[in-house]
Amino acid sequence: MIASFFQSLETHRVAYLLISGQATVLYGAATFSEDIDLWVEPSSGNIERFQAALSAVRARYYKLTPPLEAPYFEAGHGFHFFLGPGESETIFLDVLGRPPRAPSFAAALRERREFATDWGVLPTVGIRDLIELKKTQRLSDYPIVSALTLRLLEESAPSLETLAWAAENLFTVETFFSFNEKYPAWIKSPPPDAPPFLTQIAGRGIEHVPDEAIADATRWMAGTMARHQVADRRHWRGIIADLRQLRSNQILMTEGAPV
């Protein structure tokens, strides 16, 4: 079913990027994801082609989905679908036209990766953009952000700018001190809010770090995560309010109806 869906997207020339869970699996930062998440280019013509691709595989609407129209895509709403012939084989598809913390679709498309999978060759959002998308309210996303950050560093010799960026995108003690040991040059351009004590122990792995440094790192990372969580909550607050109004006005698509 999933291969047929992606083939339908290709047949209908839909411009899209794979994001979220399946993208993290392809980058090796997660081992499993049940759902499919897409970023669909939010132009009217592309939305029409996307709707045709969904119809071709007999997709059905899931809950809290606005009409498939450009203004709702542009406003950042999510669109939710069932794929598959029955309850036991149902696949959930979530779609965004303007994901939070993301650049324009055209900019993201230039940074994409192409992955050969059992479902075909899939255009996948670039790793830096994926990291920004994963800074959500869910605590479980932050170890994945950390793993993605280390994966990016492994791809080439990182610049000082990249090391400074990486230091702000590590959210577990293990990943931070692995980074600290392997890339001690990060202290040449540390984040402005980095605890001073951490910059004095560059090059040390966690087994050679005093407890106070681990405590400093933990508090620093927790504060950064909290700021990202608040920002994500603020982003969705207005969209959720819009959804309530759409539901009150009976504009949302009927759950279970065919696309």
C-alpha atoms as a PDB file:
ATOM      1  CA  MET A   1       0.000   0.000   0.000  1.00  0.00           C
ATOM      2  CA  ILE A   2       2.740   2.475   0.941  1.00  0.00           C
ATOM      3  CA  ALA A   3       4.668   1.794  -2.273  1.00  0.00           C
ATOM      4  CA  SER A   4       1.466   2.349  -4.276  1.00  0.00           C
ATOM      5  CA  PHE A   5       0.894   5.654  -2.514  1.00  0.00           C
ATOM      6  CA  PHE A   6       4.372   6.973  -3.297  1.00  0.00           C
ATOM      7  CA  GLN A   7       4.032   5.745  -6.865  1.00  0.00           C
ATOM      8  CA  SER A   8       0.790   7.716  -7.107  1.00  0.00           C
ATOM      9  CA  LEU A   9       2.578  10.849  -5.900  1.00  0.00           C
ATOM     10  CA  GLU A  10       5.184  10.364  -8.613  1.00  0.00           C
ATOM     11  CA  THR A  11       2.581   9.617 -11.306  1.00  0.00           C
ATOM     12  CA  HIS A  12       0.678  12.793 -10.447  1.00  0.00           C
ATOM     13  CA  ARG A  13       3.891  14.863 -10.280  1.00  0.00           C
ATOM     14  CA  VAL A  14       3.314  15.980  -6.693  1.00  0.00           C
ATOM     15  CA  ALA A  15       6.061  18.155  -5.193  1.00  0.00           C
ATOM     16  CA  TYR A  16       6.649  16.904  -1.646  1.00  0.00           C
ATOM     17  CA  LEU A  17       9.266  16.066   0.969  1.00  0.00           C
ATOM     18  CA  LEU A  18       9.244  13.226   3.474  1.00  0.00           C
ATOM     19  CA  ILE A  19       9.534  14.640   6.998  1.00  0.00           C
ATOM     20  CA  SER A  20       9.315  13.643  10.667  1.00  0.00           C
ATOM     21  CA  GLY A  21       9.363   9.988  11.771  1.00  0.00           C
ATOM     22  CA  GLN A  22      10.137   8.154   8.531  1.00  0.00           C
ATOM     23  CA  ALA A  23      12.766  10.773   7.666  1.00  0.00           C
ATOM     24  CA  THR A  24      14.543  10.203  10.984  1.00  0.00           C
ATOM     25  CA  VAL A  25      14.548   6.471  10.264  1.00  0.00           C
ATOM     26  CA  LEU A  26      16.181   7.029   6.882  1.00  0.00           C
ATOM     27  CA  TYR A  27      18.869   9.200   8.497  1.00  0.00           C
ATOM     28  CA  GLY A  28      19.504   6.472  11.059  1.00  0.00           C
ATOM     29  CA  ALA A  29      18.391   8.523  14.081  1.00  0.00           C
ATOM     30  CA  ALA A  30      15.345   6.356  14.872  1.00  0.00           C
ATOM     31  CA  THR A  31      14.512   2.712  14.338  1.00  0.00           C
ATOM     32  CA  PHE A  32      10.778   2.774  13.719  1.00  0.00           C
ATOM     33  CA  SER A  33       7.874   5.031  12.803  1.00  0.00           C
ATOM     34  CA  GLU A  34       4.308   3.947  12.115  1.00  0.00           C
ATOM     35  CA  ASP A  35       2.996   7.003  10.288  1.00  0.00           C
ATOM     36  CA  ILE A  36       3.941   8.851   7.118  1.00  0.00           C
ATOM     37  CA  ASP A  37       4.490  12.612   7.340  1.00  0.00           C
ATOM     38  CA  LEU A  38       4.805  14.794   4.246  1.00  0.00           C
ATOM     39  CA  TRP A  39       5.515  18.425   3.501  1.00  0.00           C
ATOM     40  CA  VAL A  40       3.496  19.170   0.352  1.00  0.00           C
ATOM     41  CA  GLU A  41       4.369  22.270  -1.658  1.00  0.00           C
ATOM     42  CA  PRO A  42       1.403  24.580  -0.941  1.00  0.00           C
ATOM     43  CA  SER A  43       0.546  25.932  -4.389  1.00  0.00           C
ATOM     44  CA  SER A  44      -2.990  25.449  -5.752  1.00  0.00           C
ATOM     45  CA  GLY A  45      -1.816  23.342  -8.715  1.00  0.00           C
ATOM     46  CA  ASN A  46       0.285  21.060  -6.558  1.00  0.00           C
ATOM     47  CA  ILE A  47      -2.532  20.642  -4.042  1.00  0.00           C
ATOM     48  CA  GLU A  48      -4.853  19.584  -6.865  1.00  0.00           C
ATOM     49  CA  ARG A  49      -2.324  17.002  -8.019  1.00  0.00           C
ATOM     50  CA  PHE A  50      -1.903  15.796  -4.439  1.00  0.00           C
ATOM     51  CA  GLN A  51      -5.667  15.382  -4.074  1.00  0.00           C
ATOM     52  CA  ALA A  52      -5.766  13.382  -7.306  1.00  0.00           C
ATOM     53  CA  ALA A  53      -2.940  11.155  -6.029  1.00  0.00           C
ATOM     54  CA  LEU A  54      -4.867  10.507  -2.810  1.00  0.00           C
ATOM     55  CA  SER A  55      -8.059   9.717  -4.703  1.00  0.00           C
ATOM     56  CA  ALA A  56      -6.201   7.258  -6.913  1.00  0.00           C
ATOM     57  CA  VAL A  57      -5.243   5.152  -3.884  1.00  0.00           C
ATOM     58  CA  ARG A  58      -8.672   5.545  -2.252  1.00  0.00           C
ATOM     59  CA  ALA A  59      -7.442   7.537   0.705  1.00  0.00           C
ATOM     60  CA  ARG A  60      -9.971   8.662   3.299  1.00  0.00           C
ATOM     61  CA  TYR A  61     -10.068  11.717   5.516  1.00  0.00           C
ATOM     62  CA  TYR A  62      -9.129  11.371   9.147  1.00  0.00           C
ATOM     63  CA  LYS A  63     -10.214  13.744  11.907  1.00  0.00           C
ATOM     64  CA  LEU A  64      -9.702  17.526  12.122  1.00  0.00           C
ATOM     65  CA  THR A  65      -8.843  18.022   8.459  1.00  0.00           C
ATOM     66  CA  PRO A  66      -9.745  21.266   6.661  1.00  0.00           C
ATOM     67  CA  PRO A  67     -10.597  21.344   2.947  1.00  0.00           C
ATOM     68  CA  LEU A  68      -7.637  20.721   0.646  1.00  0.00           C
ATOM     69  CA  GLU A  69      -7.281  24.358  -0.369  1.00  0.00           C
ATOM     70  CA  ALA A  70      -4.242  26.623  -0.581  1.00  0.00           C
ATOM     71  CA  PRO A  71      -5.273  29.105   2.174  1.00  0.00           C
ATOM     72  CA  TYR A  72      -5.381  26.295   4.748  1.00  0.00           C
ATOM     73  CA  PHE A  73      -2.031  24.932   3.570  1.00  0.00           C
ATOM     74  CA  GLU A  74      -0.514  28.424   3.734  1.00  0.00           C
ATOM     75  CA  ALA A  75      -1.912  28.954   7.243  1.00  0.00           C
ATOM     76  CA  GLY A  76       0.031  25.959   8.558  1.00  0.00           C
ATOM     77  CA  HIS A  77      -2.864  23.575   9.135  1.00  0.00           C
ATOM     78  CA  GLY A  78      -2.330  19.829   9.253  1.00  0.00           C
ATOM     79  CA  PHE A  79      -4.212  17.410   6.976  1.00  0.00           C
ATOM     80  CA  HIS A  80      -4.824  13.849   8.094  1.00  0.00           C
ATOM     81  CA  PHE A  81      -5.712  10.733   6.111  1.00  0.00           C
ATOM     82  CA  PHE A  82      -6.187   6.979   6.264  1.00  0.00           C
ATOM     83  CA  LEU A  83      -4.426   4.841   3.690  1.00  0.00           C
ATOM     84  CA  GLY A  84      -5.158   1.151   3.305  1.00  0.00           C
ATOM     85  CA  PRO A  85      -8.104  -1.148   2.684  1.00  0.00           C
ATOM     86  CA  GLY A  86      -9.212  -1.828   6.266  1.00  0.00           C
ATOM     87  CA  GLU A  87      -8.712  -1.229   9.965  1.00  0.00           C
ATOM     88  CA  SER A  88      -6.083  -3.945  10.390  1.00  0.00           C
ATOM     89  CA  GLU A  89      -3.895  -2.472   7.640  1.00  0.00           C
ATOM     90  CA  THR A  90      -4.565   1.220   8.134  1.00  0.00           C
ATOM     91  CA  ILE A  91      -1.681   3.634   7.609  1.00  0.00           C
ATOM     92  CA  PHE A  92      -1.959   7.189   8.874  1.00  0.00           C
ATOM     93  CA  LEU A  93      -0.764  10.034   6.676  1.00  0.00           C
ATOM     94  CA  ASP A  94      -0.147  13.521   8.088  1.00  0.00           C
ATOM     95  CA  VAL A  95       0.523  16.445   5.761  1.00  0.00           C
ATOM     96  CA  LEU A  96       1.673  20.031   6.208  1.00  0.00           C
ATOM     97  CA  GLY A  97       2.026  22.843   3.706  1.00  0.00           C
ATOM     98  CA  ARG A  98       3.948  25.191   5.995  1.00  0.00           C
ATOM     99  CA  PRO A  99       5.692  23.306   8.817  1.00  0.00           C
ATOM    100  CA  PRO A 100       6.828  25.327  11.830  1.00  0.00           C
ATOM    101  CA  ARG A 101      10.432  26.546  11.984  1.00  0.00           C
ATOM    102  CA  ALA A 102      10.946  25.655   8.322  1.00  0.00           C
ATOM    103  CA  PRO A 103      12.247  27.688   5.384  1.00  0.00           C
ATOM    104  CA  SER A 104      10.269  28.022   2.171  1.00  0.00           C
ATOM    105  CA  PHE A 105       9.467  24.794   0.358  1.00  0.00           C
ATOM    106  CA  ALA A 106      11.762  25.835  -2.515  1.00  0.00           C
ATOM    107  CA  ALA A 107      14.680  26.346  -0.109  1.00  0.00           C
ATOM    108  CA  ALA A 108      14.020  23.028   1.626  1.00  0.00           C
ATOM    109  CA  LEU A 109      13.763  21.263  -1.724  1.00  0.00           C
ATOM    110  CA  ARG A 110      17.284  22.439  -2.624  1.00  0.00           C
ATOM    111  CA  GLU A 111      18.633  20.859   0.586  1.00  0.00           C
ATOM    112  CA  ARG A 112      16.763  17.559   0.234  1.00  0.00           C
ATOM    113  CA  ARG A 113      18.281  14.095   0.228  1.00  0.00           C
ATOM    114  CA  GLU A 114      17.152  11.284  -2.046  1.00  0.00           C
ATOM    115  CA  PHE A 115      16.871   7.902  -0.327  1.00  0.00           C
ATOM    116  CA  ALA A 116      16.374   4.615  -2.141  1.00  0.00           C
ATOM    117  CA  THR A 117      13.809   2.626  -0.146  1.00  0.00           C
ATOM    118  CA  ASP A 118      11.485  -0.342  -0.572  1.00  0.00           C
ATOM    119  CA  TRP A 119       8.844   2.241  -1.515  1.00  0.00           C
ATOM    120  CA  GLY A 120      10.932   3.888  -4.235  1.00  0.00           C
ATOM    121  CA  VAL A 121      13.343   6.822  -4.230  1.00  0.00           C
ATOM    122  CA  LEU A 122      11.941   9.331  -1.736  1.00  0.00           C
ATOM    123  CA  PRO A 123      12.798  13.049  -1.575  1.00  0.00           C
ATOM    124  CA  THR A 124      13.526  13.673   2.081  1.00  0.00           C
ATOM    125  CA  VAL A 125      13.918  16.936   3.940  1.00  0.00           C
ATOM    126  CA  GLY A 126      17.529  17.922   4.632  1.00  0.00           C
ATOM    127  CA  ILE A 127      18.987  17.068   7.993  1.00  0.00           C
ATOM    128  CA  ARG A 128      19.215  20.647   9.349  1.00  0.00           C
ATOM    129  CA  ASP A 129      15.629  21.372   8.368  1.00  0.00           C
ATOM    130  CA  LEU A 130      14.549  18.075   9.920  1.00  0.00           C
ATOM    131  CA  ILE A 131      16.251  19.018  13.172  1.00  0.00           C
ATOM    132  CA  GLU A 132      14.243  22.247  13.312  1.00  0.00           C
ATOM    133  CA  LEU A 133      10.999  20.398  12.563  1.00  0.00           C
ATOM    134  CA  LYS A 134      11.653  18.001  15.446  1.00  0.00           C
ATOM    135  CA  LYS A 135      11.897  20.752  18.081  1.00  0.00           C
ATOM    136  CA  THR A 136       8.365  20.086  19.246  1.00  0.00           C
ATOM    137  CA  GLN A 137       6.541  19.879  22.570  1.00  0.00           C
ATOM    138  CA  ARG A 138       7.342  16.154  22.821  1.00  0.00           C
ATOM    139  CA  LEU A 139      10.304  15.374  25.071  1.00  0.00           C
ATOM    140  CA  SER A 140      10.860  12.162  23.095  1.00  0.00           C
ATOM    141  CA  ASP A 141      11.885  14.195  20.041  1.00  0.00           C
ATOM    142  CA  TYR A 142      14.987  15.709  21.661  1.00  0.00           C
ATOM    143  CA  PRO A 143      17.135  12.562  21.790  1.00  0.00           C
ATOM    144  CA  ILE A 144      16.321  12.216  18.073  1.00  0.00           C
ATOM    145  CA  VAL A 145      17.412  15.823  17.452  1.00  0.00           C
ATOM    146  CA  SER A 146      20.659  15.013  19.264  1.00  0.00           C
ATOM    147  CA  ALA A 147      21.271  11.895  17.179  1.00  0.00           C
ATOM    148  CA  LEU A 148      20.591  13.808  13.953  1.00  0.00           C
ATOM    149  CA  THR A 149      23.039  16.508  15.016  1.00  0.00           C
ATOM    150  CA  LEU A 150      25.818  14.001  15.588  1.00  0.00           C
ATOM    151  CA  ARG A 151      24.987  12.340  12.274  1.00  0.00           C
ATOM    152  CA  LEU A 152      25.424  15.650  10.441  1.00  0.00           C
ATOM    153  CA  LEU A 153      28.799  16.245  12.102  1.00  0.00           C
ATOM    154  CA  GLU A 154      30.000  12.824  10.960  1.00  0.00           C
ATOM    155  CA  GLU A 155      29.355  13.621   7.299  1.00  0.00           C
ATOM    156  CA  SER A 156      32.296  16.032   6.889  1.00  0.00           C
ATOM    157  CA  ALA A 157      34.855  18.060   8.819  1.00  0.00           C
ATOM    158  CA  PRO A 158      32.635  20.622  10.586  1.00  0.00           C
ATOM    159  CA  SER A 159      33.421  24.338  10.595  1.00  0.00           C
ATOM    160  CA  LEU A 160      33.464  26.418  13.783  1.00  0.00           C
ATOM    161  CA  GLU A 161      30.031  27.763  12.814  1.00  0.00           C
ATOM    162  CA  THR A 162      28.702  24.214  12.539  1.00  0.00           C
ATOM    163  CA  LEU A 163      30.234  23.264  15.892  1.00  0.00           C
ATOM    164  CA  ALA A 164      28.614  26.280  17.559  1.00  0.00           C
ATOM    165  CA  TRP A 165      25.291  25.306  16.000  1.00  0.00           C
ATOM    166  CA  ALA A 166      25.728  21.687  17.080  1.00  0.00           C
ATOM    167  CA  ALA A 167      26.399  22.634  20.694  1.00  0.00           C
ATOM    168  CA  GLU A 168      22.920  24.173  20.809  1.00  0.00           C
ATOM    169  CA  ASN A 169      21.268  21.103  19.289  1.00  0.00           C
ATOM    170  CA  LEU A 170      22.392  18.386  21.696  1.00  0.00           C
ATOM    171  CA  PHE A 171      19.934  17.512  24.447  1.00  0.00           C
ATOM    172  CA  THR A 172      21.230  14.432  26.227  1.00  0.00           C
ATOM    173  CA  VAL A 173      24.246  14.154  28.499  1.00  0.00           C
ATOM    174  CA  GLU A 174      25.622  11.258  26.464  1.00  0.00           C
ATOM    175  CA  THR A 175      25.481  13.058  23.114  1.00  0.00           C
ATOM    176  CA  PHE A 176      26.821  16.326  24.485  1.00  0.00           C
ATOM    177  CA  PHE A 177      29.906  14.813  26.096  1.00  0.00           C
ATOM    178  CA  SER A 178      30.530  12.560  23.110  1.00  0.00           C
ATOM    179  CA  PHE A 179      30.530  15.773  21.051  1.00  0.00           C
ATOM    180  CA  ASN A 180      32.709  17.527  23.644  1.00  0.00           C
ATOM    181  CA  GLU A 181      35.299  14.761  23.486  1.00  0.00           C
ATOM    182  CA  LYS A 182      35.437  14.504  19.693  1.00  0.00           C
ATOM    183  CA  TYR A 183      35.126  18.199  18.791  1.00  0.00           C
ATOM    184  CA  PRO A 184      36.898  20.240  21.492  1.00  0.00           C
ATOM    185  CA  ALA A 185      37.209  23.182  19.077  1.00  0.00           C
ATOM    186  CA  TRP A 186      33.570  24.044  19.843  1.00  0.00           C
ATOM    187  CA  ILE A 187      34.794  26.224  22.723  1.00  0.00           C
ATOM    188  CA  LYS A 188      36.368  28.652  20.217  1.00  0.00           C
ATOM    189  CA  SER A 189      32.856  29.835  19.393  1.00  0.00           C
ATOM    190  CA  PRO A 190      30.568  28.650  22.184  1.00  0.00           C
ATOM    191  CA  PRO A 191      26.871  29.529  22.392  1.00  0.00           C
ATOM    192  CA  PRO A 192      26.395  32.749  24.387  1.00  0.00           C
ATOM    193  CA  ASP A 193      24.482  30.986  27.153  1.00  0.00           C
ATOM    194  CA  ALA A 194      26.820  27.999  27.520  1.00  0.00           C
ATOM    195  CA  PRO A 195      27.795  27.456  31.180  1.00  0.00           C
ATOM    196  CA  PRO A 196      31.402  28.687  31.626  1.00  0.00           C
ATOM    197  CA  PHE A 197      32.448  25.493  33.384  1.00  0.00           C
ATOM    198  CA  LEU A 198      31.725  23.440  30.272  1.00  0.00           C
ATOM    199  CA  THR A 199      34.160  25.456  28.183  1.00  0.00           C
ATOM    200  CA  GLN A 200      36.941  24.536  30.629  1.00  0.00           C
ATOM    201  CA  ILE A 201      36.682  20.806  30.034  1.00  0.00           C
ATOM    202  CA  ALA A 202      36.758  20.606  26.231  1.00  0.00           C
ATOM    203  CA  GLY A 203      38.061  17.298  24.943  1.00  0.00           C
ATOM    204  CA  ARG A 204      36.894  15.221  27.898  1.00  0.00           C
ATOM    205  CA  GLY A 205      34.513  12.287  27.616  1.00  0.00           C
ATOM    206  CA  ILE A 206      31.774  11.808  30.162  1.00  0.00           C
ATOM    207  CA  GLU A 207      33.829   9.350  32.228  1.00  0.00           C
ATOM    208  CA  HIS A 208      36.396  12.131  32.871  1.00  0.00           C
ATOM    209  CA  VAL A 209      33.935  14.917  33.643  1.00  0.00           C
ATOM    210  CA  PRO A 210      33.158  16.079  37.202  1.00  0.00           C
ATOM    211  CA  ASP A 211      29.605  15.811  38.463  1.00  0.00           C
ATOM    212  CA  GLU A 212      29.139  19.579  38.542  1.00  0.00           C
ATOM    213  CA  ALA A 213      29.830  19.761  34.805  1.00  0.00           C
ATOM    214  CA  ILE A 214      27.211  17.097  34.117  1.00  0.00           C
ATOM    215  CA  ALA A 215      24.748  19.031  36.282  1.00  0.00           C
ATOM    216  CA  ASP A 216      25.563  22.284  34.434  1.00  0.00           C
ATOM    217  CA  ALA A 217      25.072  20.618  31.060  1.00  0.00           C
ATOM    218  CA  THR A 218      21.793  19.017  32.156  1.00  0.00           C
ATOM    219  CA  ARG A 219      20.339  22.338  33.376  1.00  0.00           C
ATOM    220  CA  TRP A 220      21.486  24.145  30.233  1.00  0.00           C
ATOM    221  CA  MET A 221      19.991  21.587  27.879  1.00  0.00           C
ATOM    222  CA  ALA A 222      16.754  21.413  29.881  1.00  0.00           C
ATOM    223  CA  GLY A 223      16.373  25.198  29.665  1.00  0.00           C
ATOM    224  CA  THR A 224      16.921  25.160  25.907  1.00  0.00           C
ATOM    225  CA  MET A 225      14.401  22.345  25.445  1.00  0.00           C
ATOM    226  CA  ALA A 226      11.840  24.236  27.511  1.00  0.00           C
ATOM    227  CA  ARG A 227      12.203  27.309  25.287  1.00  0.00           C
ATOM    228  CA  HIS A 228      11.672  25.208  22.160  1.00  0.00           C
ATOM    229  CA  GLN A 229       8.628  23.555  23.715  1.00  0.00           C
ATOM    230  CA  VAL A 230       7.069  26.909  24.599  1.00  0.00           C
ATOM    231  CA  ALA A 231       7.708  28.229  21.079  1.00  0.00           C
ATOM    232  CA  ASP A 232       6.097  25.157  19.514  1.00  0.00           C
ATOM    233  CA  ARG A 233       3.088  25.440  21.816  1.00  0.00           C
ATOM    234  CA  ARG A 234       2.639  29.081  20.818  1.00  0.00           C
ATOM    235  CA  HIS A 235       2.851  28.184  17.144  1.00  0.00           C
ATOM    236  CA  TRP A 236       0.032  25.630  17.354  1.00  0.00           C
ATOM    237  CA  ARG A 237      -2.202  27.644  19.677  1.00  0.00           C
ATOM    238  CA  GLY A 238      -3.569  29.840  16.887  1.00  0.00           C
ATOM    239  CA  ILE A 239      -3.998  26.931  14.503  1.00  0.00           C
ATOM    240  CA  ILE A 240      -5.920  24.953  17.106  1.00  0.00           C
ATOM    241  CA  ALA A 241      -8.187  27.962  17.665  1.00  0.00           C
ATOM    242  CA  ASP A 242      -8.814  28.121  13.908  1.00  0.00           C
ATOM    243  CA  LEU A 243      -9.677  24.415  13.882  1.00  0.00           C
ATOM    244  CA  ARG A 244     -12.242  24.912  16.619  1.00  0.00           C
ATOM    245  CA  GLN A 245     -13.868  27.642  14.565  1.00  0.00           C
ATOM    246  CA  LEU A 246     -13.838  25.507  11.415  1.00  0.00           C
ATOM    247  CA  ARG A 247     -15.452  22.664  13.328  1.00  0.00           C
ATOM    248  CA  SER A 248     -18.068  24.991  14.775  1.00  0.00           C
ATOM    249  CA  ASN A 249     -18.844  26.216  11.244  1.00  0.00           C
ATOM    250  CA  GLN A 250     -18.954  22.595   9.963  1.00  0.00           C
ATOM    251  CA  ILE A 251     -16.181  23.243   7.433  1.00  0.00           C
ATOM    252  CA  LEU A 252     -13.921  20.326   8.397  1.00  0.00           C
ATOM    253  CA  MET A 253     -13.956  17.258   6.168  1.00  0.00           C
ATOM    254  CA  THR A 254     -16.038  14.299   7.294  1.00  0.00           C
ATOM    255  CA  GLU A 255     -13.955  11.617   8.983  1.00  0.00           C
ATOM    256  CA  GLY A 256     -13.921   8.421   6.903  1.00  0.00           C
ATOM    257  CA  ALA A 257     -15.124  10.124   3.718  1.00  0.00           C
ATOM    258  CA  PRO A 258     -13.126   9.358   0.542  1.00  0.00           C
ATOM    259  CA  VAL A 259     -10.821  12.050  -0.775  1.00  0.00           C
END
